[in-house]
């Protein structure tokens, strides 16, 4: 079993920055591919970014490419999402997720086995 806990959400003005953290406990974090997803009110959950188990491979949604950076520190069992140039449309609950998939870095939520409880990010205009 893996437990994931997000932190770092909050209220920020448009153009500002936030850094989300996802701390893992339980099974070996370093063997998991990890991802960030978000869900805005009234909308479906959507992919934001993903990173391979060793950090060598990353993927981003087009909507955040160039503004968000995903990273991880396996020694600290923690994944991060640095969010810059935030826009009101980035407002959502952000979830971290872990995938025990044996190949590739998934961008589909259905391929993730473990989820955090979510952290709210609100960007004011």
N, C-alpha and C. Protein backbone atom coordinates (compact mmCIF):
# COMPACT_ATOMS: atom_id res chain seq x y z
N UNK A 1 0.84 -1.20 0.00
CA UNK A 1 0.00 0.00 0.00
C UNK A 1 0.87 1.25 0.00
N UNK A 2 0.44 2.27 -0.71
CA UNK A 2 1.15 3.54 -0.76
C UNK A 2 0.19 4.64 -0.32
N UNK A 3 0.65 5.48 0.55
CA UNK A 3 -0.13 6.65 0.97
C UNK A 3 0.51 7.90 0.37
N UNK A 4 -0.30 8.74 -0.21
CA UNK A 4 0.16 9.98 -0.84
C UNK A 4 -0.53 11.16 -0.18
N UNK A 5 0.27 12.17 0.17
CA UNK A 5 -0.28 13.36 0.81
C UNK A 5 0.23 14.59 0.10
N UNK A 6 -0.71 15.37 -0.44
CA UNK A 6 -0.34 16.61 -1.13
C UNK A 6 -0.32 17.77 -0.15
N UNK A 7 0.49 18.77 -0.49
CA UNK A 7 0.52 20.02 0.28
C UNK A 7 0.98 21.13 -0.65
N UNK A 8 0.81 22.37 -0.19
CA UNK A 8 1.31 23.51 -0.94
C UNK A 8 0.26 24.30 -1.71
N UNK A 9 -0.97 23.83 -1.70
CA UNK A 9 -2.01 24.58 -2.38
C UNK A 9 -2.34 25.87 -1.65
N UNK A 10 -3.15 26.71 -2.30
CA UNK A 10 -3.55 27.95 -1.67
C UNK A 10 -4.13 28.92 -2.67
N UNK A 11 -4.23 30.16 -2.23
CA UNK A 11 -4.78 31.25 -3.06
C UNK A 11 -3.63 32.12 -3.55
N UNK A 12 -3.61 32.38 -4.86
CA UNK A 12 -2.54 33.19 -5.44
C UNK A 12 -3.14 34.05 -6.55
N UNK A 13 -2.54 35.19 -6.78
CA UNK A 13 -3.01 36.05 -7.86
C UNK A 13 -2.49 35.55 -9.21
N UNK A 14 -3.21 35.88 -10.26
CA UNK A 14 -2.77 35.52 -11.60
C UNK A 14 -1.35 36.04 -11.84
N UNK A 15 -0.54 35.19 -12.46
CA UNK A 15 0.86 35.52 -12.69
C UNK A 15 1.79 35.05 -11.59
N UNK A 16 1.21 34.62 -10.48
CA UNK A 16 2.02 34.16 -9.36
C UNK A 16 2.45 32.72 -9.49
N UNK A 17 3.09 32.22 -8.42
CA UNK A 17 3.64 30.86 -8.42
C UNK A 17 3.26 30.12 -7.16
N UNK A 18 3.19 28.81 -7.28
CA UNK A 18 3.01 27.90 -6.15
C UNK A 18 3.83 26.66 -6.42
N UNK A 19 4.25 25.99 -5.34
CA UNK A 19 4.90 24.70 -5.50
C UNK A 19 4.13 23.67 -4.68
N UNK A 20 3.62 22.68 -5.36
CA UNK A 20 2.92 21.59 -4.70
C UNK A 20 3.91 20.47 -4.38
N UNK A 21 3.67 19.80 -3.27
CA UNK A 21 4.47 18.65 -2.89
C UNK A 21 3.56 17.45 -2.70
N UNK A 22 4.10 16.28 -2.95
CA UNK A 22 3.38 15.03 -2.74
C UNK A 22 4.34 14.09 -2.03
N UNK A 23 4.06 13.82 -0.77
CA UNK A 23 4.93 12.95 0.02
C UNK A 23 4.32 11.55 0.06
N UNK A 24 5.16 10.56 -0.17
CA UNK A 24 4.69 9.18 -0.22
C UNK A 24 5.23 8.39 0.96
N UNK A 25 4.43 7.46 1.42
CA UNK A 25 4.87 6.53 2.44
C UNK A 25 4.35 5.15 2.08
N UNK A 26 4.95 4.16 2.64
CA UNK A 26 4.51 2.80 2.34
C UNK A 26 5.50 2.10 1.42
N UNK A 27 5.01 1.57 0.34
CA UNK A 27 5.85 0.83 -0.57
C UNK A 27 6.88 1.73 -1.25
N UNK A 28 7.82 1.17 -1.91
CA UNK A 28 8.96 1.88 -2.46
C UNK A 28 8.54 2.93 -3.48
N UNK A 29 8.66 4.19 -3.08
CA UNK A 29 8.28 5.31 -3.92
C UNK A 29 9.09 5.33 -5.21
N UNK A 30 10.36 5.01 -5.10
CA UNK A 30 11.27 5.16 -6.23
C UNK A 30 10.96 4.21 -7.38
N UNK A 31 10.12 3.23 -7.16
CA UNK A 31 9.78 2.30 -8.23
C UNK A 31 8.52 2.72 -8.98
N UNK A 32 7.87 3.80 -8.54
CA UNK A 32 6.60 4.22 -9.12
C UNK A 32 6.79 5.37 -10.10
N UNK A 33 6.10 5.29 -11.23
CA UNK A 33 5.89 6.47 -12.04
C UNK A 33 4.82 7.31 -11.35
N UNK A 34 4.95 8.63 -11.43
CA UNK A 34 4.07 9.51 -10.67
C UNK A 34 3.44 10.56 -11.58
N UNK A 35 2.30 11.05 -11.16
CA UNK A 35 1.63 12.06 -11.97
C UNK A 35 0.86 13.06 -11.13
N UNK A 36 0.55 14.17 -11.76
CA UNK A 36 -0.34 15.18 -11.19
C UNK A 36 -1.57 15.30 -12.09
N UNK A 37 -2.72 15.35 -11.46
CA UNK A 37 -3.98 15.58 -12.15
C UNK A 37 -4.71 16.72 -11.45
N UNK A 38 -5.70 17.28 -12.11
CA UNK A 38 -6.49 18.32 -11.47
C UNK A 38 -7.95 18.20 -11.90
N UNK A 39 -8.80 18.71 -11.02
CA UNK A 39 -10.23 18.68 -11.29
C UNK A 39 -10.84 20.00 -10.87
N UNK A 40 -11.32 20.74 -11.84
CA UNK A 40 -12.01 21.99 -11.57
C UNK A 40 -13.48 21.69 -11.27
N UNK A 41 -14.12 22.60 -10.60
CA UNK A 41 -15.52 22.43 -10.22
C UNK A 41 -16.38 22.20 -11.46
N UNK A 42 -17.14 21.13 -11.44
CA UNK A 42 -18.04 20.84 -12.55
C UNK A 42 -17.39 20.23 -13.77
N UNK A 43 -16.11 19.92 -13.66
CA UNK A 43 -15.39 19.35 -14.81
C UNK A 43 -14.78 18.01 -14.44
N UNK A 44 -14.38 17.27 -15.47
CA UNK A 44 -13.74 15.99 -15.24
C UNK A 44 -12.29 16.18 -14.84
N UNK A 45 -11.76 15.16 -14.16
CA UNK A 45 -10.35 15.19 -13.79
C UNK A 45 -9.50 15.14 -15.05
N UNK A 46 -8.44 15.96 -15.09
CA UNK A 46 -7.59 15.99 -16.26
C UNK A 46 -6.12 15.85 -15.90
N UNK A 47 -5.38 15.33 -16.84
CA UNK A 47 -3.94 15.14 -16.68
C UNK A 47 -3.23 16.47 -16.69
N UNK A 48 -2.22 16.60 -15.82
CA UNK A 48 -1.40 17.80 -15.78
C UNK A 48 0.04 17.49 -16.17
N UNK A 49 0.65 16.54 -15.46
CA UNK A 49 2.06 16.21 -15.70
C UNK A 49 2.36 14.84 -15.13
N UNK A 50 3.41 14.21 -15.66
CA UNK A 50 3.83 12.91 -15.16
C UNK A 50 5.34 12.79 -15.25
N UNK A 51 5.90 11.92 -14.41
CA UNK A 51 7.34 11.76 -14.35
C UNK A 51 7.65 10.28 -14.13
N UNK A 52 8.71 9.81 -14.77
CA UNK A 52 9.11 8.42 -14.64
C UNK A 52 9.71 8.16 -13.28
N UNK A 53 9.89 6.88 -12.95
CA UNK A 53 10.37 6.49 -11.64
C UNK A 53 11.73 7.09 -11.31
N UNK A 54 12.57 7.29 -12.35
CA UNK A 54 13.92 7.83 -12.11
C UNK A 54 14.03 9.31 -12.47
N UNK A 55 12.94 9.91 -12.88
CA UNK A 55 12.94 11.33 -13.19
C UNK A 55 13.44 11.68 -14.58
N UNK A 56 13.80 10.67 -15.37
CA UNK A 56 14.39 10.95 -16.68
C UNK A 56 13.37 11.38 -17.73
N UNK A 57 12.14 10.97 -17.55
CA UNK A 57 11.10 11.24 -18.55
C UNK A 57 9.96 12.02 -17.92
N UNK A 58 9.54 13.07 -18.57
CA UNK A 58 8.42 13.86 -18.10
C UNK A 58 7.45 14.15 -19.25
N UNK A 59 6.19 14.31 -18.90
CA UNK A 59 5.15 14.67 -19.86
C UNK A 59 4.30 15.78 -19.25
N UNK A 60 3.80 16.64 -20.11
CA UNK A 60 2.96 17.75 -19.66
C UNK A 60 1.74 17.89 -20.57
N UNK A 61 0.65 18.32 -19.96
CA UNK A 61 -0.50 18.73 -20.77
C UNK A 61 -0.13 20.01 -21.51
N UNK A 62 -0.68 20.18 -22.70
CA UNK A 62 -0.36 21.37 -23.49
C UNK A 62 -0.70 22.65 -22.74
N UNK A 63 -1.73 22.60 -21.92
CA UNK A 63 -2.20 23.79 -21.22
C UNK A 63 -1.22 24.29 -20.17
N UNK A 64 -0.29 23.44 -19.74
CA UNK A 64 0.65 23.86 -18.68
C UNK A 64 2.10 23.84 -19.15
N UNK A 65 2.34 23.37 -20.36
CA UNK A 65 3.69 23.24 -20.87
C UNK A 65 4.37 24.62 -20.89
N UNK A 66 5.59 24.66 -20.37
CA UNK A 66 6.33 25.92 -20.32
C UNK A 66 6.06 26.73 -19.06
N UNK A 67 5.03 26.36 -18.30
CA UNK A 67 4.72 27.08 -17.06
C UNK A 67 4.90 26.21 -15.83
N UNK A 68 4.61 24.91 -15.94
CA UNK A 68 4.71 23.98 -14.83
C UNK A 68 5.93 23.08 -15.01
N UNK A 69 6.54 22.68 -13.89
CA UNK A 69 7.65 21.73 -13.93
C UNK A 69 7.43 20.66 -12.88
N UNK A 70 7.46 19.41 -13.32
CA UNK A 70 7.33 18.28 -12.40
C UNK A 70 8.73 17.76 -12.08
N UNK A 71 8.93 17.36 -10.84
CA UNK A 71 10.22 16.81 -10.43
C UNK A 71 9.99 15.87 -9.25
N UNK A 72 11.03 15.14 -8.88
CA UNK A 72 10.92 14.24 -7.74
C UNK A 72 12.26 14.10 -7.07
N UNK A 73 12.21 13.76 -5.79
CA UNK A 73 13.39 13.48 -5.00
C UNK A 73 13.14 12.14 -4.33
N UNK A 74 13.68 11.09 -4.90
CA UNK A 74 13.42 9.75 -4.37
C UNK A 74 14.00 9.54 -2.98
N UNK A 75 15.05 10.28 -2.66
CA UNK A 75 15.64 10.16 -1.32
C UNK A 75 14.68 10.69 -0.26
N UNK A 76 13.82 11.60 -0.66
CA UNK A 76 12.84 12.19 0.27
C UNK A 76 11.44 11.65 0.06
N UNK A 77 11.29 10.69 -0.86
CA UNK A 77 9.97 10.13 -1.16
C UNK A 77 8.96 11.23 -1.50
N UNK A 78 9.39 12.19 -2.26
CA UNK A 78 8.55 13.35 -2.53
C UNK A 78 8.60 13.74 -4.01
N UNK A 79 7.44 14.12 -4.53
CA UNK A 79 7.32 14.65 -5.87
C UNK A 79 6.84 16.10 -5.76
N UNK A 80 7.21 16.90 -6.76
CA UNK A 80 6.87 18.32 -6.72
C UNK A 80 6.21 18.74 -8.03
N UNK A 81 5.46 19.83 -7.94
CA UNK A 81 4.94 20.49 -9.13
C UNK A 81 5.14 21.99 -8.93
N UNK A 82 6.12 22.54 -9.63
CA UNK A 82 6.35 23.98 -9.59
C UNK A 82 5.44 24.63 -10.63
N UNK A 83 4.60 25.52 -10.18
CA UNK A 83 3.63 26.17 -11.06
C UNK A 83 3.91 27.65 -11.12
N UNK A 84 4.29 28.13 -12.29
CA UNK A 84 4.58 29.54 -12.52
C UNK A 84 3.57 30.14 -13.49
N UNK A 85 3.53 31.45 -13.52
CA UNK A 85 2.63 32.18 -14.43
C UNK A 85 1.20 31.62 -14.35
N UNK A 86 0.73 31.47 -13.14
CA UNK A 86 -0.58 30.86 -12.94
C UNK A 86 -1.69 31.72 -13.53
N UNK A 87 -2.71 31.02 -14.02
CA UNK A 87 -3.87 31.67 -14.64
C UNK A 87 -5.13 31.27 -13.87
N UNK A 88 -6.17 32.08 -13.95
CA UNK A 88 -7.43 31.69 -13.27
C UNK A 88 -7.93 30.31 -13.70
N UNK A 89 -7.68 29.94 -14.94
CA UNK A 89 -8.14 28.63 -15.41
C UNK A 89 -7.35 27.47 -14.82
N UNK A 90 -6.29 27.75 -14.08
CA UNK A 90 -5.56 26.70 -13.37
C UNK A 90 -6.23 26.35 -12.04
N UNK A 91 -7.25 27.11 -11.67
CA UNK A 91 -7.96 26.85 -10.42
C UNK A 91 -8.59 25.46 -10.45
N UNK A 92 -8.26 24.66 -9.43
CA UNK A 92 -8.75 23.28 -9.38
C UNK A 92 -8.23 22.63 -8.10
N UNK A 93 -8.75 21.45 -7.82
CA UNK A 93 -8.14 20.58 -6.83
C UNK A 93 -7.08 19.75 -7.54
N UNK A 94 -5.88 19.77 -7.02
CA UNK A 94 -4.76 19.06 -7.63
C UNK A 94 -4.49 17.78 -6.85
N UNK A 95 -4.37 16.68 -7.60
CA UNK A 95 -4.15 15.37 -7.01
C UNK A 95 -2.83 14.80 -7.49
N UNK A 96 -2.08 14.17 -6.58
CA UNK A 96 -0.95 13.39 -7.03
C UNK A 96 -1.36 11.92 -7.09
N UNK A 97 -0.69 11.19 -7.95
CA UNK A 97 -1.04 9.79 -8.17
C UNK A 97 0.20 8.98 -8.47
N UNK A 98 0.14 7.71 -8.08
CA UNK A 98 1.24 6.81 -8.31
C UNK A 98 0.82 5.62 -9.15
N UNK A 99 1.69 5.24 -10.06
CA UNK A 99 1.39 4.14 -10.97
C UNK A 99 2.43 3.04 -10.83
N UNK A 100 1.93 1.83 -10.59
CA UNK A 100 2.82 0.68 -10.52
C UNK A 100 2.93 0.00 -11.87
N UNK A 101 2.49 0.68 -12.93
CA UNK A 101 2.55 0.11 -14.27
C UNK A 101 3.98 -0.28 -14.60
N UNK A 102 4.12 -1.39 -15.32
CA UNK A 102 5.44 -1.92 -15.61
C UNK A 102 6.13 -1.30 -16.81
N UNK A 103 5.41 -0.43 -17.54
CA UNK A 103 6.03 0.15 -18.72
C UNK A 103 5.44 1.52 -18.96
N UNK A 104 6.25 2.39 -19.53
CA UNK A 104 5.78 3.71 -19.91
C UNK A 104 5.45 4.58 -18.71
N UNK A 105 5.16 5.82 -18.99
CA UNK A 105 4.74 6.78 -17.99
C UNK A 105 3.31 7.17 -18.35
N UNK A 106 2.34 6.70 -17.60
CA UNK A 106 0.96 6.92 -18.02
C UNK A 106 0.49 8.36 -17.88
N UNK A 107 -0.35 8.76 -18.81
CA UNK A 107 -1.01 10.06 -18.73
C UNK A 107 -2.51 9.90 -18.51
N UNK A 108 -2.96 8.66 -18.48
CA UNK A 108 -4.37 8.38 -18.23
C UNK A 108 -4.59 8.06 -16.77
N UNK A 109 -5.60 8.67 -16.18
CA UNK A 109 -5.86 8.47 -14.75
C UNK A 109 -6.17 7.01 -14.43
N UNK A 110 -6.73 6.29 -15.40
CA UNK A 110 -7.09 4.91 -15.16
C UNK A 110 -5.92 3.98 -14.92
N UNK A 111 -4.72 4.43 -15.25
CA UNK A 111 -3.52 3.61 -15.08
C UNK A 111 -2.78 3.91 -13.79
N UNK A 112 -3.37 4.77 -12.96
CA UNK A 112 -2.76 5.09 -11.67
C UNK A 112 -3.48 4.33 -10.57
N UNK A 113 -2.69 3.74 -9.69
CA UNK A 113 -3.22 2.87 -8.65
C UNK A 113 -3.49 3.58 -7.33
N UNK A 114 -2.73 4.62 -7.06
CA UNK A 114 -2.79 5.29 -5.77
C UNK A 114 -3.00 6.78 -5.95
N UNK A 115 -3.80 7.36 -5.06
CA UNK A 115 -4.17 8.76 -5.17
C UNK A 115 -4.09 9.45 -3.82
N UNK A 116 -3.70 10.72 -3.85
CA UNK A 116 -3.77 11.53 -2.66
C UNK A 116 -5.16 12.11 -2.48
N UNK A 117 -5.33 12.90 -1.42
CA UNK A 117 -6.64 13.45 -1.10
C UNK A 117 -6.92 14.75 -1.84
N UNK A 118 -5.89 15.34 -2.41
CA UNK A 118 -6.05 16.57 -3.18
C UNK A 118 -5.74 17.81 -2.38
N UNK A 119 -5.30 18.86 -3.08
CA UNK A 119 -5.04 20.16 -2.48
C UNK A 119 -5.61 21.23 -3.40
N UNK A 120 -6.28 22.21 -2.81
CA UNK A 120 -6.96 23.23 -3.60
C UNK A 120 -5.99 24.31 -4.03
N UNK A 121 -6.04 24.65 -5.30
CA UNK A 121 -5.30 25.78 -5.86
C UNK A 121 -6.32 26.75 -6.44
N UNK A 122 -6.28 27.98 -5.97
CA UNK A 122 -7.19 29.00 -6.46
C UNK A 122 -6.39 30.18 -6.97
N UNK A 123 -6.62 30.55 -8.22
CA UNK A 123 -5.90 31.66 -8.84
C UNK A 123 -6.91 32.77 -9.12
N UNK A 124 -6.69 33.91 -8.49
CA UNK A 124 -7.60 35.03 -8.66
C UNK A 124 -7.12 35.93 -9.79
N UNK A 125 -8.08 36.55 -10.46
CA UNK A 125 -7.74 37.42 -11.60
C UNK A 125 -7.52 38.85 -11.15
